[in-house]
Amino acid sequence: MYIIIVGCGETGSKLAEDFSLGKDNVVVIDKNPRALSFLGPRFNGRTIVGDGLDLKILEEAGIKNADYLFVLTGKENTNLVIAQIGKKIYKVKKVIVQVQSFLKEEIFKKKGLITINRKALFLDTFKKCIS
C-alpha cells in the first residue's frame, strides 16, 4: 500500500512508524521540521517538510499513487480542505481524517470522508466501562 500521512504529531508519527515496518510505502508531510522528530528510529519511510495544502507538496509525496491519505493536523478546517483535495482532485481510494467536533464530523461524513473522532471514541469507551 502507498500511504501518505499529513501531520506528524504523536498520532501521525506512531501511525507512520507502524505502517512503515511492514511492506507499505509511507510518506509523512509536516510543515514543522521539529514535528518530524517524533518519528522513531524504526521509521522506514520518507518525510517531506511542507504544507499539506500545497498541491506541489502533495504531488512530491506521490498522492497520485496513494491508496490511503491520513489527515491528522491539529486544525479541523485544514484537515477538511486537505482531505477534499485528496478525494476530489487526486481520487485517493481512502481518505481518513481526524476530527474533534461532533458537528464537523457530520459535515466530513457527508462529504464521503472516513472520520476518526477522539471524543466519540472516549465516550464509547467510557460507556463500555459502566455497561
N, C-alpha and C. Protein backbone atom coordinates (compact mmCIF):
# COMPACT_ATOMS: atom_id res chain seq x y z
N MET A 1 0.83 -1.18 0.00
CA MET A 1 0.00 0.00 0.00
C MET A 1 0.88 1.25 0.00
N TYR A 2 0.37 2.29 -0.60
CA TYR A 2 1.05 3.57 -0.60
C TYR A 2 0.25 4.51 0.29
N ILE A 3 0.88 4.97 1.36
CA ILE A 3 0.20 5.72 2.41
C ILE A 3 0.85 7.09 2.59
N ILE A 4 0.02 8.13 2.60
CA ILE A 4 0.50 9.48 2.91
C ILE A 4 -0.17 9.92 4.20
N ILE A 5 0.64 10.45 5.10
CA ILE A 5 0.15 10.96 6.38
C ILE A 5 0.52 12.43 6.46
N VAL A 6 -0.49 13.28 6.60
CA VAL A 6 -0.27 14.71 6.74
C VAL A 6 -0.49 15.06 8.21
N GLY A 7 0.57 15.50 8.86
CA GLY A 7 0.53 15.81 10.28
C GLY A 7 1.32 14.79 11.06
N CYS A 8 2.42 15.23 11.64
CA CYS A 8 3.33 14.31 12.31
C CYS A 8 3.41 14.60 13.81
N GLY A 9 2.25 14.69 14.41
CA GLY A 9 2.22 14.80 15.87
C GLY A 9 2.35 13.40 16.46
N GLU A 10 1.88 13.26 17.66
CA GLU A 10 2.00 11.97 18.35
C GLU A 10 1.26 10.85 17.61
N THR A 11 0.05 11.13 17.16
CA THR A 11 -0.75 10.12 16.46
C THR A 11 -0.17 9.82 15.08
N GLY A 12 0.11 10.85 14.31
CA GLY A 12 0.65 10.66 12.97
C GLY A 12 1.97 9.94 12.97
N SER A 13 2.84 10.27 13.90
CA SER A 13 4.16 9.64 13.94
C SER A 13 4.06 8.16 14.31
N LYS A 14 3.19 7.83 15.25
CA LYS A 14 3.02 6.42 15.64
C LYS A 14 2.42 5.62 14.49
N LEU A 15 1.43 6.18 13.84
CA LEU A 15 0.80 5.52 12.70
C LEU A 15 1.83 5.30 11.59
N ALA A 16 2.61 6.32 11.30
CA ALA A 16 3.63 6.23 10.25
C ALA A 16 4.66 5.16 10.57
N GLU A 17 5.11 5.15 11.80
CA GLU A 17 6.12 4.16 12.19
C GLU A 17 5.56 2.75 12.06
N ASP A 18 4.35 2.54 12.55
CA ASP A 18 3.75 1.20 12.48
C ASP A 18 3.58 0.73 11.04
N PHE A 19 3.04 1.59 10.17
CA PHE A 19 2.86 1.21 8.77
C PHE A 19 4.20 0.97 8.08
N SER A 20 5.20 1.76 8.40
CA SER A 20 6.48 1.66 7.70
C SER A 20 7.23 0.38 8.04
N LEU A 21 6.87 -0.28 9.11
CA LEU A 21 7.56 -1.52 9.50
C LEU A 21 7.14 -2.70 8.63
N GLY A 22 6.04 -2.57 7.93
CA GLY A 22 5.59 -3.62 7.03
C GLY A 22 6.11 -3.36 5.63
N LYS A 23 5.34 -3.79 4.66
CA LYS A 23 5.73 -3.62 3.26
C LYS A 23 5.15 -2.34 2.65
N ASP A 24 4.50 -1.55 3.48
CA ASP A 24 3.85 -0.34 2.98
C ASP A 24 4.86 0.78 2.72
N ASN A 25 4.59 1.54 1.68
CA ASN A 25 5.37 2.76 1.40
C ASN A 25 4.67 3.90 2.13
N VAL A 26 5.42 4.59 2.99
CA VAL A 26 4.83 5.64 3.82
C VAL A 26 5.57 6.95 3.60
N VAL A 27 4.80 8.01 3.38
CA VAL A 27 5.35 9.36 3.26
C VAL A 27 4.63 10.23 4.29
N VAL A 28 5.42 10.96 5.07
CA VAL A 28 4.87 11.84 6.10
C VAL A 28 5.16 13.28 5.71
N ILE A 29 4.13 14.11 5.77
CA ILE A 29 4.26 15.54 5.47
C ILE A 29 3.94 16.34 6.74
N ASP A 30 4.80 17.29 7.04
CA ASP A 30 4.50 18.25 8.11
C ASP A 30 5.25 19.53 7.80
N LYS A 31 4.62 20.66 8.05
CA LYS A 31 5.30 21.92 7.76
C LYS A 31 6.29 22.31 8.84
N ASN A 32 6.25 21.64 9.96
CA ASN A 32 7.18 21.90 11.06
C ASN A 32 8.26 20.82 11.10
N PRO A 33 9.50 21.16 10.76
CA PRO A 33 10.55 20.13 10.76
C PRO A 33 10.74 19.46 12.12
N ARG A 34 10.46 20.19 13.18
CA ARG A 34 10.59 19.60 14.52
C ARG A 34 9.59 18.46 14.74
N ALA A 35 8.43 18.59 14.14
CA ALA A 35 7.40 17.56 14.30
C ALA A 35 7.89 16.21 13.77
N LEU A 36 8.70 16.26 12.73
CA LEU A 36 9.20 15.01 12.15
C LEU A 36 10.13 14.28 13.11
N SER A 37 10.60 14.97 14.13
CA SER A 37 11.46 14.32 15.13
C SER A 37 10.66 13.35 16.00
N PHE A 38 9.33 13.41 15.95
CA PHE A 38 8.50 12.43 16.67
C PHE A 38 8.65 11.03 16.08
N LEU A 39 9.06 10.98 14.82
CA LEU A 39 9.23 9.67 14.19
C LEU A 39 10.38 8.93 14.87
N GLY A 40 10.12 7.72 15.26
CA GLY A 40 11.14 6.94 15.96
C GLY A 40 12.21 6.42 15.02
N PRO A 41 13.25 5.83 15.58
CA PRO A 41 14.36 5.31 14.77
C PRO A 41 13.95 4.14 13.88
N ARG A 42 12.82 3.53 14.18
CA ARG A 42 12.37 2.39 13.36
C ARG A 42 11.61 2.85 12.11
N PHE A 43 11.30 4.14 12.02
CA PHE A 43 10.55 4.63 10.86
C PHE A 43 11.34 4.37 9.58
N ASN A 44 10.68 3.76 8.62
CA ASN A 44 11.33 3.36 7.38
C ASN A 44 10.55 3.93 6.19
N GLY A 45 10.38 5.24 6.18
CA GLY A 45 9.65 5.87 5.10
C GLY A 45 10.30 7.19 4.73
N ARG A 46 9.55 8.00 3.98
CA ARG A 46 10.05 9.31 3.55
C ARG A 46 9.36 10.41 4.34
N THR A 47 10.07 11.51 4.49
CA THR A 47 9.48 12.69 5.12
C THR A 47 9.62 13.88 4.18
N ILE A 48 8.63 14.75 4.26
CA ILE A 48 8.66 15.98 3.48
C ILE A 48 8.27 17.13 4.41
N VAL A 49 9.12 18.14 4.46
CA VAL A 49 8.79 19.35 5.20
C VAL A 49 8.03 20.25 4.23
N GLY A 50 6.76 20.48 4.53
CA GLY A 50 5.95 21.31 3.66
C GLY A 50 4.51 21.33 4.13
N ASP A 51 3.71 22.13 3.47
CA ASP A 51 2.31 22.32 3.83
C ASP A 51 1.45 21.34 3.04
N GLY A 52 0.66 20.55 3.73
CA GLY A 52 -0.22 19.59 3.07
C GLY A 52 -1.31 20.22 2.22
N LEU A 53 -1.48 21.53 2.32
CA LEU A 53 -2.42 22.24 1.46
C LEU A 53 -1.82 22.56 0.09
N ASP A 54 -0.52 22.42 -0.02
CA ASP A 54 0.21 22.77 -1.25
C ASP A 54 0.17 21.58 -2.21
N LEU A 55 -0.44 21.77 -3.37
CA LEU A 55 -0.56 20.68 -4.34
C LEU A 55 0.80 20.15 -4.78
N LYS A 56 1.78 21.02 -4.88
CA LYS A 56 3.13 20.57 -5.28
C LYS A 56 3.71 19.63 -4.23
N ILE A 57 3.48 19.94 -2.96
CA ILE A 57 3.97 19.08 -1.87
C ILE A 57 3.26 17.73 -1.93
N LEU A 58 1.95 17.76 -2.12
CA LEU A 58 1.19 16.51 -2.21
C LEU A 58 1.67 15.67 -3.40
N GLU A 59 1.94 16.32 -4.52
CA GLU A 59 2.43 15.59 -5.69
C GLU A 59 3.84 15.05 -5.45
N GLU A 60 4.68 15.82 -4.77
CA GLU A 60 6.01 15.33 -4.41
C GLU A 60 5.90 14.09 -3.51
N ALA A 61 4.88 14.06 -2.69
CA ALA A 61 4.66 12.91 -1.80
C ALA A 61 4.12 11.70 -2.56
N GLY A 62 3.67 11.91 -3.78
CA GLY A 62 3.16 10.81 -4.59
C GLY A 62 1.66 10.58 -4.44
N ILE A 63 0.91 11.63 -4.21
CA ILE A 63 -0.52 11.48 -3.96
C ILE A 63 -1.26 10.83 -5.13
N LYS A 64 -0.73 10.97 -6.33
CA LYS A 64 -1.39 10.35 -7.49
C LYS A 64 -1.38 8.83 -7.40
N ASN A 65 -0.47 8.28 -6.59
CA ASN A 65 -0.37 6.83 -6.42
C ASN A 65 -0.86 6.36 -5.06
N ALA A 66 -1.35 7.27 -4.24
CA ALA A 66 -1.71 6.92 -2.86
C ALA A 66 -2.96 6.05 -2.79
N ASP A 67 -2.88 5.03 -1.96
CA ASP A 67 -4.05 4.21 -1.65
C ASP A 67 -4.81 4.80 -0.46
N TYR A 68 -4.05 5.39 0.47
CA TYR A 68 -4.62 5.96 1.68
C TYR A 68 -4.01 7.33 1.95
N LEU A 69 -4.87 8.23 2.42
CA LEU A 69 -4.43 9.54 2.87
C LEU A 69 -4.99 9.75 4.27
N PHE A 70 -4.10 9.87 5.25
CA PHE A 70 -4.49 10.17 6.62
C PHE A 70 -4.21 11.65 6.86
N VAL A 71 -5.21 12.38 7.31
CA VAL A 71 -5.05 13.82 7.55
C VAL A 71 -5.22 14.06 9.05
N LEU A 72 -4.09 14.40 9.69
CA LEU A 72 -4.04 14.45 11.15
C LEU A 72 -3.43 15.74 11.68
N THR A 73 -3.68 16.85 11.01
CA THR A 73 -3.16 18.11 11.54
C THR A 73 -4.02 18.49 12.74
N GLY A 74 -3.61 19.45 13.49
CA GLY A 74 -4.37 19.89 14.65
C GLY A 74 -5.49 20.86 14.32
N LYS A 75 -5.70 21.11 13.04
CA LYS A 75 -6.69 22.11 12.63
C LYS A 75 -7.76 21.46 11.76
N GLU A 76 -8.98 21.43 12.26
CA GLU A 76 -10.05 20.73 11.55
C GLU A 76 -10.35 21.30 10.17
N ASN A 77 -10.38 22.61 10.04
CA ASN A 77 -10.67 23.20 8.73
C ASN A 77 -9.58 22.85 7.72
N THR A 78 -8.34 22.87 8.18
CA THR A 78 -7.22 22.47 7.33
C THR A 78 -7.38 21.01 6.94
N ASN A 79 -7.73 20.18 7.91
CA ASN A 79 -7.93 18.76 7.63
C ASN A 79 -8.99 18.55 6.56
N LEU A 80 -10.09 19.29 6.66
CA LEU A 80 -11.17 19.13 5.68
C LEU A 80 -10.70 19.49 4.28
N VAL A 81 -9.99 20.59 4.15
CA VAL A 81 -9.53 21.02 2.82
C VAL A 81 -8.55 20.00 2.23
N ILE A 82 -7.58 19.56 3.03
CA ILE A 82 -6.61 18.58 2.53
C ILE A 82 -7.32 17.28 2.15
N ALA A 83 -8.24 16.85 2.98
CA ALA A 83 -8.98 15.62 2.69
C ALA A 83 -9.79 15.75 1.40
N GLN A 84 -10.42 16.88 1.20
CA GLN A 84 -11.19 17.11 -0.02
C GLN A 84 -10.29 17.13 -1.26
N ILE A 85 -9.12 17.73 -1.12
CA ILE A 85 -8.16 17.73 -2.23
C ILE A 85 -7.81 16.29 -2.59
N GLY A 86 -7.49 15.49 -1.57
CA GLY A 86 -7.14 14.09 -1.82
C GLY A 86 -8.26 13.31 -2.48
N LYS A 87 -9.47 13.51 -2.00
CA LYS A 87 -10.61 12.75 -2.51
C LYS A 87 -11.09 13.24 -3.87
N LYS A 88 -11.25 14.54 -4.01
CA LYS A 88 -11.86 15.08 -5.23
C LYS A 88 -10.87 15.28 -6.38
N ILE A 89 -9.70 15.82 -6.08
CA ILE A 89 -8.74 16.13 -7.14
C ILE A 89 -7.91 14.90 -7.52
N TYR A 90 -7.40 14.20 -6.49
CA TYR A 90 -6.46 13.11 -6.76
C TYR A 90 -7.10 11.72 -6.67
N LYS A 91 -8.36 11.65 -6.32
CA LYS A 91 -9.10 10.38 -6.30
C LYS A 91 -8.43 9.31 -5.44
N VAL A 92 -7.91 9.72 -4.27
CA VAL A 92 -7.31 8.76 -3.35
C VAL A 92 -8.43 7.81 -2.90
N LYS A 93 -8.11 6.51 -2.90
CA LYS A 93 -9.12 5.49 -2.61
C LYS A 93 -9.77 5.68 -1.24
N LYS A 94 -8.96 5.86 -0.22
CA LYS A 94 -9.48 6.02 1.14
C LYS A 94 -8.84 7.24 1.78
N VAL A 95 -9.69 8.16 2.24
CA VAL A 95 -9.21 9.36 2.93
C VAL A 95 -9.77 9.31 4.35
N ILE A 96 -8.86 9.27 5.31
CA ILE A 96 -9.23 9.18 6.72
C ILE A 96 -8.80 10.48 7.39
N VAL A 97 -9.72 11.11 8.09
CA VAL A 97 -9.44 12.44 8.63
C VAL A 97 -9.79 12.50 10.11
N GLN A 98 -8.91 13.14 10.87
CA GLN A 98 -9.12 13.33 12.30
C GLN A 98 -10.00 14.55 12.53
N VAL A 99 -11.04 14.36 13.35
CA VAL A 99 -11.91 15.47 13.73
C VAL A 99 -12.05 15.50 15.25
N GLN A 100 -12.42 16.66 15.76
CA GLN A 100 -12.58 16.79 17.21
C GLN A 100 -13.99 17.25 17.57
N SER A 101 -14.71 17.74 16.63
CA SER A 101 -16.04 18.30 16.86
C SER A 101 -17.10 17.35 16.31
N PHE A 102 -18.14 17.09 17.10
CA PHE A 102 -19.22 16.23 16.63
C PHE A 102 -19.95 16.85 15.45
N LEU A 103 -20.12 18.16 15.46
CA LEU A 103 -20.79 18.85 14.36
C LEU A 103 -19.99 18.72 13.07
N LYS A 104 -18.69 18.98 13.16
CA LYS A 104 -17.86 18.90 11.95
C LYS A 104 -17.72 17.46 11.47
N GLU A 105 -17.79 16.51 12.39
CA GLU A 105 -17.71 15.11 11.98
C GLU A 105 -18.84 14.79 11.00
N GLU A 106 -20.03 15.27 11.28
CA GLU A 106 -21.17 15.03 10.38
C GLU A 106 -20.94 15.67 9.01
N ILE A 107 -20.38 16.86 9.01
CA ILE A 107 -20.08 17.55 7.75
C ILE A 107 -19.07 16.74 6.94
N PHE A 108 -18.02 16.27 7.60
CA PHE A 108 -16.98 15.50 6.93
C PHE A 108 -17.57 14.21 6.34
N LYS A 109 -18.40 13.54 7.12
CA LYS A 109 -19.00 12.29 6.65
C LYS A 109 -19.88 12.52 5.43
N LYS A 110 -20.62 13.63 5.41
CA LYS A 110 -21.48 13.94 4.27
C LYS A 110 -20.66 14.17 3.01
N LYS A 111 -19.40 14.50 3.17
CA LYS A 111 -18.52 14.70 2.02
C LYS A 111 -17.82 13.40 1.62
N GLY A 112 -18.22 12.29 2.24
CA GLY A 112 -17.69 10.98 1.87
C GLY A 112 -16.35 10.64 2.50
N LEU A 113 -16.00 11.33 3.57
CA LEU A 113 -14.72 11.08 4.22
C LEU A 113 -14.90 10.12 5.39
N ILE A 114 -13.87 9.36 5.66
CA ILE A 114 -13.85 8.49 6.83
C ILE A 114 -13.32 9.33 7.98
N THR A 115 -14.05 9.38 9.08
CA THR A 115 -13.63 10.23 10.20
C THR A 115 -13.24 9.41 11.41
N ILE A 116 -12.29 9.95 12.14
CA ILE A 116 -11.91 9.43 13.45
C ILE A 116 -12.09 10.59 14.43
N ASN A 117 -13.00 10.41 15.37
CA ASN A 117 -13.29 11.45 16.35
C ASN A 117 -12.87 10.92 17.72
N ARG A 118 -11.79 11.47 18.26
CA ARG A 118 -11.28 11.00 19.55
C ARG A 118 -12.30 11.14 20.66
N LYS A 119 -13.04 12.23 20.66
CA LYS A 119 -14.03 12.43 21.71
C LYS A 119 -15.09 11.34 21.67
N ALA A 120 -15.52 10.98 20.47
CA ALA A 120 -16.52 9.91 20.33
C ALA A 120 -15.95 8.58 20.80
N LEU A 121 -14.69 8.32 20.47
CA LEU A 121 -14.05 7.08 20.91
C LEU A 121 -13.95 7.02 22.43
N PHE A 122 -13.57 8.13 23.04
CA PHE A 122 -13.51 8.19 24.51
C PHE A 122 -14.88 7.94 25.12
N LEU A 123 -15.91 8.58 24.58
CA LEU A 123 -17.26 8.40 25.11
C LEU A 123 -17.70 6.94 25.02
N ASP A 124 -17.45 6.33 23.87
CA ASP A 124 -17.80 4.92 23.70
C ASP A 124 -17.08 4.04 24.72
N THR A 125 -15.80 4.32 24.93
CA THR A 125 -15.01 3.55 25.89
C THR A 125 -15.55 3.73 27.30
N PHE A 126 -15.86 4.95 27.66
CA PHE A 126 -16.41 5.21 29.00
C PHE A 126 -17.73 4.48 29.19
N LYS A 127 -18.59 4.52 28.17
CA LYS A 127 -19.88 3.84 28.27
C LYS A 127 -19.70 2.33 28.44
N LYS A 128 -18.73 1.77 27.72
CA LYS A 128 -18.47 0.32 27.84
C LYS A 128 -17.96 -0.03 29.23
N CYS A 129 -17.25 0.88 29.85
CA CYS A 129 -16.71 0.63 31.19
C CYS A 129 -17.81 0.48 32.24
N ILE A 130 -18.94 1.14 32.01
CA ILE A 130 -20.01 1.05 33.00
C ILE A 130 -21.13 0.12 32.58
N SER A 131 -20.99 -0.49 31.43
CA SER A 131 -22.02 -1.43 30.94
C SER A 131 -21.86 -2.78 31.60
